[in-house]
Amino acid sequence: MSMTNAQQALQTAGLAFLGIGAWFDLRKRALPSVYLAAVFILGGVLAVFLREGFPWPCLFSVLPGLFLLSLVPATRGGIGAGDGLLMLAVGTVLPVEEVLGTLIIGFFLASFYAGSLLLRRRGRNTAFPLVPFLHLGYLALLFSEHLA
């Protein structure tokens, strides 16, 4: 399946949004508000100019980010609002299938890491950044699409 230049640009933007977010999450353990605002603005601009059928597909693509935001109070901050806001922004540029795949693979990878922390007796309350796992999840998704 060949991709258009617009689809490649949107995938690159999604990869960059998650990659830069992963760097911030690893370094600062938080996603700066200025970064999130810039990602929303850039994602919105790219969506308007590059996505086909905007805004309807975009509305479905942000639902996983809304779901992640809904988990913030339930996890008492275990999942941060920045994680959900970043996935909302990523949903502006990626199709819903890729956003869902990123979340599923990212959560799967994070669960293995959390399991390793438990096995090493690091405790149940050990915090770790989620965005790097989401970034790895998206990389794995892109790699699997490339192999298919």
N, C-alpha and C. Protein backbone atom coordinates (compact mmCIF):
# COMPACT_ATOMS: atom_id res chain seq x y z
N MET A 1 0.84 -1.17 0.00
CA MET A 1 0.00 0.00 0.00
C MET A 1 0.89 1.24 0.00
N SER A 2 0.71 2.08 -0.98
CA SER A 2 1.51 3.29 -1.04
C SER A 2 0.83 4.41 -0.28
N MET A 3 1.64 5.24 0.32
CA MET A 3 1.13 6.34 1.11
C MET A 3 1.34 7.64 0.35
N THR A 4 0.44 8.56 0.57
CA THR A 4 0.60 9.88 -0.02
C THR A 4 1.61 10.68 0.79
N ASN A 5 2.09 11.74 0.21
CA ASN A 5 3.01 12.63 0.93
C ASN A 5 2.35 13.20 2.17
N ALA A 6 1.06 13.50 2.08
CA ALA A 6 0.34 14.05 3.23
C ALA A 6 0.29 13.03 4.37
N GLN A 7 0.01 11.76 4.05
CA GLN A 7 -0.02 10.73 5.09
C GLN A 7 1.35 10.55 5.72
N GLN A 8 2.39 10.58 4.91
CA GLN A 8 3.75 10.46 5.46
C GLN A 8 4.08 11.64 6.36
N ALA A 9 3.67 12.84 5.96
CA ALA A 9 3.93 14.03 6.78
C ALA A 9 3.19 13.94 8.10
N LEU A 10 1.95 13.45 8.08
CA LEU A 10 1.18 13.32 9.32
C LEU A 10 1.78 12.26 10.23
N GLN A 11 2.24 11.14 9.67
CA GLN A 11 2.90 10.12 10.48
C GLN A 11 4.19 10.65 11.08
N THR A 12 4.93 11.40 10.31
CA THR A 12 6.17 11.99 10.81
C THR A 12 5.87 12.97 11.95
N ALA A 13 4.82 13.76 11.79
CA ALA A 13 4.43 14.70 12.85
C ALA A 13 4.05 13.93 14.12
N GLY A 14 3.25 12.87 13.98
CA GLY A 14 2.88 12.07 15.14
C GLY A 14 4.09 11.47 15.83
N LEU A 15 5.02 10.97 15.03
CA LEU A 15 6.25 10.39 15.58
C LEU A 15 7.07 11.45 16.30
N ALA A 16 7.16 12.65 15.72
CA ALA A 16 7.91 13.74 16.34
C ALA A 16 7.23 14.21 17.63
N PHE A 17 5.90 14.34 17.60
CA PHE A 17 5.18 14.77 18.80
C PHE A 17 5.46 13.80 19.96
N LEU A 18 5.36 12.50 19.67
CA LEU A 18 5.60 11.50 20.72
C LEU A 18 7.07 11.43 21.12
N GLY A 19 7.98 11.57 20.16
CA GLY A 19 9.40 11.51 20.47
C GLY A 19 9.86 12.66 21.34
N ILE A 20 9.44 13.87 21.00
CA ILE A 20 9.81 15.03 21.82
C ILE A 20 9.13 14.94 23.18
N GLY A 21 7.88 14.49 23.18
CA GLY A 21 7.17 14.30 24.45
C GLY A 21 7.86 13.27 25.33
N ALA A 22 8.37 12.19 24.72
CA ALA A 22 9.09 11.17 25.48
C ALA A 22 10.35 11.76 26.10
N TRP A 23 11.06 12.59 25.34
CA TRP A 23 12.26 13.23 25.87
C TRP A 23 11.91 14.08 27.10
N PHE A 24 10.87 14.92 26.98
CA PHE A 24 10.46 15.74 28.12
C PHE A 24 10.04 14.87 29.30
N ASP A 25 9.29 13.81 29.02
CA ASP A 25 8.79 12.95 30.10
C ASP A 25 9.93 12.25 30.82
N LEU A 26 10.93 11.83 30.07
CA LEU A 26 12.09 11.18 30.70
C LEU A 26 12.95 12.18 31.47
N ARG A 27 13.18 13.35 30.91
CA ARG A 27 14.06 14.35 31.52
C ARG A 27 13.42 15.10 32.67
N LYS A 28 12.20 15.55 32.45
CA LYS A 28 11.56 16.45 33.40
C LYS A 28 10.41 15.81 34.16
N ARG A 29 10.01 14.59 33.74
CA ARG A 29 8.88 13.89 34.35
C ARG A 29 7.58 14.67 34.21
N ALA A 30 7.53 15.53 33.20
CA ALA A 30 6.32 16.33 32.94
C ALA A 30 6.40 16.83 31.50
N LEU A 31 5.24 17.14 30.95
CA LEU A 31 5.18 17.72 29.61
C LEU A 31 4.85 19.20 29.77
N PRO A 32 5.76 20.09 29.37
CA PRO A 32 5.52 21.52 29.55
C PRO A 32 4.26 21.99 28.82
N SER A 33 3.56 22.91 29.44
CA SER A 33 2.34 23.46 28.86
C SER A 33 2.61 24.12 27.51
N VAL A 34 3.75 24.80 27.39
CA VAL A 34 4.11 25.45 26.14
C VAL A 34 4.26 24.41 25.03
N TYR A 35 4.88 23.29 25.35
CA TYR A 35 5.04 22.21 24.38
C TYR A 35 3.68 21.66 23.95
N LEU A 36 2.82 21.38 24.92
CA LEU A 36 1.49 20.85 24.60
C LEU A 36 0.69 21.83 23.75
N ALA A 37 0.77 23.11 24.08
CA ALA A 37 0.06 24.13 23.29
C ALA A 37 0.60 24.17 21.86
N ALA A 38 1.92 24.11 21.71
CA ALA A 38 2.53 24.13 20.37
C ALA A 38 2.12 22.91 19.57
N VAL A 39 2.07 21.75 20.22
CA VAL A 39 1.67 20.52 19.53
C VAL A 39 0.21 20.61 19.09
N PHE A 40 -0.66 21.15 19.94
CA PHE A 40 -2.07 21.32 19.56
C PHE A 40 -2.20 22.25 18.36
N ILE A 41 -1.49 23.36 18.40
CA ILE A 41 -1.59 24.33 17.30
C ILE A 41 -1.05 23.73 16.01
N LEU A 42 0.14 23.15 16.07
CA LEU A 42 0.74 22.55 14.89
C LEU A 42 -0.10 21.38 14.37
N GLY A 43 -0.57 20.56 15.28
CA GLY A 43 -1.42 19.43 14.88
C GLY A 43 -2.70 19.90 14.22
N GLY A 44 -3.31 20.95 14.76
CA GLY A 44 -4.52 21.49 14.15
C GLY A 44 -4.28 22.04 12.77
N VAL A 45 -3.17 22.75 12.61
CA VAL A 45 -2.83 23.32 11.30
C VAL A 45 -2.58 22.19 10.29
N LEU A 46 -1.80 21.20 10.70
CA LEU A 46 -1.53 20.07 9.81
C LEU A 46 -2.81 19.32 9.46
N ALA A 47 -3.69 19.16 10.44
CA ALA A 47 -4.94 18.45 10.19
C ALA A 47 -5.80 19.19 9.18
N VAL A 48 -5.88 20.48 9.30
CA VAL A 48 -6.69 21.28 8.38
C VAL A 48 -6.15 21.17 6.96
N PHE A 49 -4.84 21.24 6.81
CA PHE A 49 -4.26 21.28 5.47
C PHE A 49 -3.95 19.91 4.87
N LEU A 50 -3.74 18.89 5.71
CA LEU A 50 -3.28 17.61 5.17
C LEU A 50 -4.25 16.44 5.33
N ARG A 51 -5.11 16.47 6.33
CA ARG A 51 -6.03 15.34 6.53
C ARG A 51 -7.20 15.44 5.59
N GLU A 52 -7.58 14.30 5.06
CA GLU A 52 -8.74 14.25 4.19
C GLU A 52 -9.99 14.13 5.05
N GLY A 53 -11.04 14.84 4.68
CA GLY A 53 -12.30 14.73 5.39
C GLY A 53 -12.32 15.39 6.75
N PHE A 54 -11.42 16.30 7.01
CA PHE A 54 -11.42 17.00 8.29
C PHE A 54 -12.74 17.74 8.43
N PRO A 55 -13.40 17.75 9.55
CA PRO A 55 -12.93 17.38 10.88
C PRO A 55 -13.43 16.03 11.37
N TRP A 56 -14.29 15.32 10.63
CA TRP A 56 -14.89 14.11 11.19
C TRP A 56 -13.90 13.04 11.58
N PRO A 57 -12.96 12.65 10.74
CA PRO A 57 -12.00 11.63 11.19
C PRO A 57 -11.19 12.10 12.40
N CYS A 58 -10.91 13.39 12.46
CA CYS A 58 -10.14 13.95 13.57
C CYS A 58 -10.91 13.82 14.87
N LEU A 59 -12.23 13.99 14.81
CA LEU A 59 -13.04 13.88 16.02
C LEU A 59 -12.97 12.48 16.61
N PHE A 60 -12.95 11.46 15.76
CA PHE A 60 -12.82 10.09 16.26
C PHE A 60 -11.41 9.82 16.77
N SER A 61 -10.41 10.41 16.14
CA SER A 61 -9.02 10.17 16.51
C SER A 61 -8.64 10.76 17.87
N VAL A 62 -9.38 11.75 18.34
CA VAL A 62 -9.06 12.33 19.64
C VAL A 62 -9.75 11.58 20.78
N LEU A 63 -10.67 10.66 20.47
CA LEU A 63 -11.36 9.91 21.53
C LEU A 63 -10.42 9.11 22.43
N PRO A 64 -9.39 8.43 21.89
CA PRO A 64 -8.46 7.74 22.81
C PRO A 64 -7.76 8.70 23.78
N GLY A 65 -7.45 9.92 23.33
CA GLY A 65 -6.85 10.90 24.22
C GLY A 65 -7.83 11.32 25.31
N LEU A 66 -9.10 11.47 24.95
CA LEU A 66 -10.13 11.79 25.95
C LEU A 66 -10.26 10.65 26.96
N PHE A 67 -10.18 9.41 26.47
CA PHE A 67 -10.22 8.26 27.37
C PHE A 67 -9.05 8.30 28.35
N LEU A 68 -7.87 8.59 27.84
CA LEU A 68 -6.69 8.67 28.70
C LEU A 68 -6.85 9.77 29.73
N LEU A 69 -7.41 10.91 29.33
CA LEU A 69 -7.67 12.00 30.27
C LEU A 69 -8.67 11.57 31.34
N SER A 70 -9.64 10.75 30.97
CA SER A 70 -10.63 10.29 31.95
C SER A 70 -10.01 9.37 33.00
N LEU A 71 -8.86 8.77 32.68
CA LEU A 71 -8.19 7.89 33.63
C LEU A 71 -7.36 8.65 34.66
N VAL A 72 -7.11 9.93 34.43
CA VAL A 72 -6.26 10.72 35.34
C VAL A 72 -6.81 10.69 36.77
N PRO A 73 -8.09 11.04 37.00
CA PRO A 73 -8.58 10.99 38.39
C PRO A 73 -8.67 9.57 38.94
N ALA A 74 -9.01 8.61 38.07
CA ALA A 74 -9.15 7.22 38.53
C ALA A 74 -7.82 6.64 38.98
N THR A 75 -6.73 7.09 38.38
CA THR A 75 -5.41 6.56 38.74
C THR A 75 -4.70 7.47 39.75
N ARG A 76 -5.41 8.48 40.24
CA ARG A 76 -4.85 9.43 41.21
C ARG A 76 -3.51 10.00 40.75
N GLY A 77 -3.47 10.38 39.48
CA GLY A 77 -2.27 10.98 38.93
C GLY A 77 -1.26 9.98 38.40
N GLY A 78 -1.56 8.68 38.48
CA GLY A 78 -0.65 7.67 37.93
C GLY A 78 -0.46 7.90 36.43
N ILE A 79 -1.56 8.23 35.78
CA ILE A 79 -1.50 8.70 34.40
C ILE A 79 -1.71 10.19 34.48
N GLY A 80 -0.78 10.95 33.97
CA GLY A 80 -0.85 12.40 34.09
C GLY A 80 -1.72 13.03 33.02
N ALA A 81 -2.20 14.21 33.31
CA ALA A 81 -3.01 14.94 32.35
C ALA A 81 -2.22 15.23 31.08
N GLY A 82 -0.92 15.44 31.20
CA GLY A 82 -0.08 15.69 30.03
C GLY A 82 -0.09 14.52 29.07
N ASP A 83 -0.14 13.29 29.60
CA ASP A 83 -0.20 12.11 28.74
C ASP A 83 -1.47 12.14 27.89
N GLY A 84 -2.58 12.43 28.53
CA GLY A 84 -3.85 12.49 27.82
C GLY A 84 -3.89 13.64 26.83
N LEU A 85 -3.38 14.80 27.24
CA LEU A 85 -3.37 15.96 26.34
C LEU A 85 -2.49 15.71 25.12
N LEU A 86 -1.36 15.04 25.33
CA LEU A 86 -0.48 14.73 24.20
C LEU A 86 -1.18 13.77 23.24
N MET A 87 -1.88 12.77 23.76
CA MET A 87 -2.59 11.84 22.89
C MET A 87 -3.75 12.54 22.16
N LEU A 88 -4.36 13.52 22.80
CA LEU A 88 -5.37 14.33 22.10
C LEU A 88 -4.73 15.03 20.91
N ALA A 89 -3.57 15.63 21.13
CA ALA A 89 -2.87 16.34 20.06
C ALA A 89 -2.41 15.39 18.97
N VAL A 90 -1.94 14.22 19.35
CA VAL A 90 -1.52 13.22 18.37
C VAL A 90 -2.74 12.78 17.54
N GLY A 91 -3.90 12.74 18.17
CA GLY A 91 -5.12 12.37 17.46
C GLY A 91 -5.51 13.36 16.37
N THR A 92 -4.99 14.57 16.43
CA THR A 92 -5.30 15.53 15.37
C THR A 92 -4.58 15.18 14.06
N VAL A 93 -3.46 14.47 14.17
CA VAL A 93 -2.69 14.17 12.96
C VAL A 93 -2.74 12.71 12.52
N LEU A 94 -3.07 11.80 13.43
CA LEU A 94 -3.08 10.38 13.08
C LEU A 94 -4.50 9.84 12.99
N PRO A 95 -4.71 8.82 12.17
CA PRO A 95 -6.02 8.17 12.12
C PRO A 95 -6.29 7.41 13.42
N VAL A 96 -7.55 7.20 13.72
CA VAL A 96 -7.95 6.58 14.98
C VAL A 96 -7.31 5.20 15.16
N GLU A 97 -7.15 4.45 14.07
CA GLU A 97 -6.54 3.12 14.17
C GLU A 97 -5.11 3.20 14.70
N GLU A 98 -4.37 4.20 14.24
CA GLU A 98 -2.98 4.35 14.68
C GLU A 98 -2.91 4.86 16.12
N VAL A 99 -3.83 5.73 16.50
CA VAL A 99 -3.84 6.24 17.88
C VAL A 99 -4.18 5.09 18.83
N LEU A 100 -5.20 4.30 18.49
CA LEU A 100 -5.56 3.16 19.33
C LEU A 100 -4.43 2.14 19.40
N GLY A 101 -3.82 1.85 18.25
CA GLY A 101 -2.71 0.91 18.23
C GLY A 101 -1.55 1.38 19.08
N THR A 102 -1.27 2.68 19.02
CA THR A 102 -0.20 3.26 19.82
C THR A 102 -0.50 3.09 21.31
N LEU A 103 -1.74 3.38 21.71
CA LEU A 103 -2.11 3.22 23.12
C LEU A 103 -2.02 1.77 23.57
N ILE A 104 -2.55 0.86 22.77
CA ILE A 104 -2.56 -0.55 23.16
C ILE A 104 -1.14 -1.09 23.29
N ILE A 105 -0.32 -0.85 22.27
CA ILE A 105 1.06 -1.36 22.32
C ILE A 105 1.84 -0.64 23.43
N GLY A 106 1.64 0.67 23.58
CA GLY A 106 2.32 1.42 24.63
C GLY A 106 1.96 0.93 26.02
N PHE A 107 0.67 0.67 26.26
CA PHE A 107 0.25 0.13 27.56
C PHE A 107 0.83 -1.26 27.78
N PHE A 108 0.87 -2.06 26.73
CA PHE A 108 1.43 -3.40 26.81
C PHE A 108 2.91 -3.35 27.22
N LEU A 109 3.67 -2.48 26.56
CA LEU A 109 5.09 -2.33 26.90
C LEU A 109 5.27 -1.79 28.31
N ALA A 110 4.45 -0.81 28.68
CA ALA A 110 4.54 -0.23 30.04
C ALA A 110 4.19 -1.28 31.09
N SER A 111 3.27 -2.18 30.77
CA SER A 111 2.91 -3.21 31.75
C SER A 111 4.07 -4.18 31.99
N PHE A 112 4.84 -4.47 30.95
CA PHE A 112 6.02 -5.31 31.13
C PHE A 112 7.05 -4.60 32.01
N TYR A 113 7.23 -3.32 31.78
CA TYR A 113 8.17 -2.56 32.61
C TYR A 113 7.69 -2.52 34.06
N ALA A 114 6.40 -2.27 34.26
CA ALA A 114 5.85 -2.25 35.62
C ALA A 114 6.02 -3.61 36.29
N GLY A 115 5.82 -4.67 35.53
CA GLY A 115 6.02 -6.02 36.07
C GLY A 115 7.46 -6.25 36.47
N SER A 116 8.39 -5.74 35.67
CA SER A 116 9.81 -5.91 36.03
C SER A 116 10.14 -5.13 37.30
N LEU A 117 9.49 -3.97 37.49
CA LEU A 117 9.71 -3.21 38.73
C LEU A 117 9.19 -3.99 39.93
N LEU A 118 8.06 -4.63 39.78
CA LEU A 118 7.51 -5.43 40.87
C LEU A 118 8.41 -6.62 41.18
N LEU A 119 8.92 -7.26 40.14
CA LEU A 119 9.81 -8.40 40.36
C LEU A 119 11.11 -8.00 41.04
N ARG A 120 11.56 -6.78 40.76
CA ARG A 120 12.79 -6.29 41.39
C ARG A 120 12.50 -5.66 42.75
N ARG A 121 11.26 -5.82 43.20
CA ARG A 121 10.81 -5.33 44.52
C ARG A 121 11.02 -3.83 44.68
N ARG A 122 10.73 -3.10 43.61
CA ARG A 122 10.85 -1.64 43.65
C ARG A 122 9.63 -0.99 44.28
N GLY A 123 8.58 -1.77 44.49
CA GLY A 123 7.38 -1.24 45.12
C GLY A 123 6.28 -0.92 44.13
N ARG A 124 5.08 -0.91 44.65
CA ARG A 124 3.91 -0.67 43.81
C ARG A 124 3.76 0.81 43.46
N ASN A 125 4.36 1.68 44.23
CA ASN A 125 4.17 3.11 44.02
C ASN A 125 5.29 3.77 43.23
N THR A 126 6.12 2.97 42.58
CA THR A 126 7.20 3.52 41.79
C THR A 126 6.62 4.15 40.52
N ALA A 127 6.87 5.42 40.35
CA ALA A 127 6.35 6.13 39.18
C ALA A 127 7.33 6.01 38.02
N PHE A 128 6.80 5.97 36.81
CA PHE A 128 7.63 5.99 35.62
C PHE A 128 6.88 6.72 34.51
N PRO A 129 7.60 7.33 33.58
CA PRO A 129 6.96 8.09 32.52
C PRO A 129 6.27 7.16 31.51
N LEU A 130 5.09 7.57 31.04
CA LEU A 130 4.32 6.77 30.10
C LEU A 130 4.64 7.10 28.64
N VAL A 131 4.92 8.36 28.34
CA VAL A 131 5.08 8.78 26.94
C VAL A 131 6.18 8.01 26.21
N PRO A 132 7.31 7.68 26.84
CA PRO A 132 8.30 6.88 26.11
C PRO A 132 7.74 5.54 25.63
N PHE A 133 6.86 4.94 26.41
CA PHE A 133 6.25 3.67 26.00
C PHE A 133 5.24 3.89 24.87
N LEU A 134 4.55 5.03 24.89
CA LEU A 134 3.65 5.35 23.78
C LEU A 134 4.46 5.58 22.50
N HIS A 135 5.61 6.25 22.64
CA HIS A 135 6.48 6.48 21.48
C HIS A 135 6.98 5.14 20.93
N LEU A 136 7.43 4.26 21.81
CA LEU A 136 7.88 2.93 21.37
C LEU A 136 6.72 2.16 20.74
N GLY A 137 5.52 2.33 21.30
CA GLY A 137 4.35 1.67 20.73
C GLY A 137 4.07 2.13 19.31
N TYR A 138 4.21 3.44 19.08
CA TYR A 138 3.99 3.95 17.73
C TYR A 138 5.08 3.49 16.78
N LEU A 139 6.32 3.46 17.25
CA LEU A 139 7.41 2.94 16.42
C LEU A 139 7.16 1.48 16.05
N ALA A 140 6.71 0.67 17.00
CA ALA A 140 6.41 -0.74 16.73
C ALA A 140 5.27 -0.86 15.73
N LEU A 141 4.27 0.00 15.86
CA LEU A 141 3.14 -0.01 14.93
C LEU A 141 3.61 0.33 13.51
N LEU A 142 4.43 1.37 13.38
CA LEU A 142 4.95 1.75 12.07
C LEU A 142 5.83 0.64 11.48
N PHE A 143 6.63 0.03 12.33
CA PHE A 143 7.51 -1.04 11.88
C PHE A 143 6.68 -2.23 11.38
N SER A 144 5.61 -2.57 12.11
CA SER A 144 4.77 -3.70 11.70
C SER A 144 4.03 -3.38 10.40
N GLU A 145 3.62 -2.13 10.20
CA GLU A 145 2.99 -1.73 8.95
C GLU A 145 3.97 -1.82 7.80
N HIS A 146 5.22 -1.48 8.07
CA HIS A 146 6.25 -1.51 7.04
C HIS A 146 6.54 -2.93 6.59
N LEU A 147 6.47 -3.88 7.55
CA LEU A 147 6.73 -5.28 7.23
C LEU A 147 5.58 -5.92 6.46
N ALA A 148 4.39 -5.41 6.68
CA ALA A 148 3.20 -6.02 6.05
C ALA A 148 3.12 -5.75 4.57
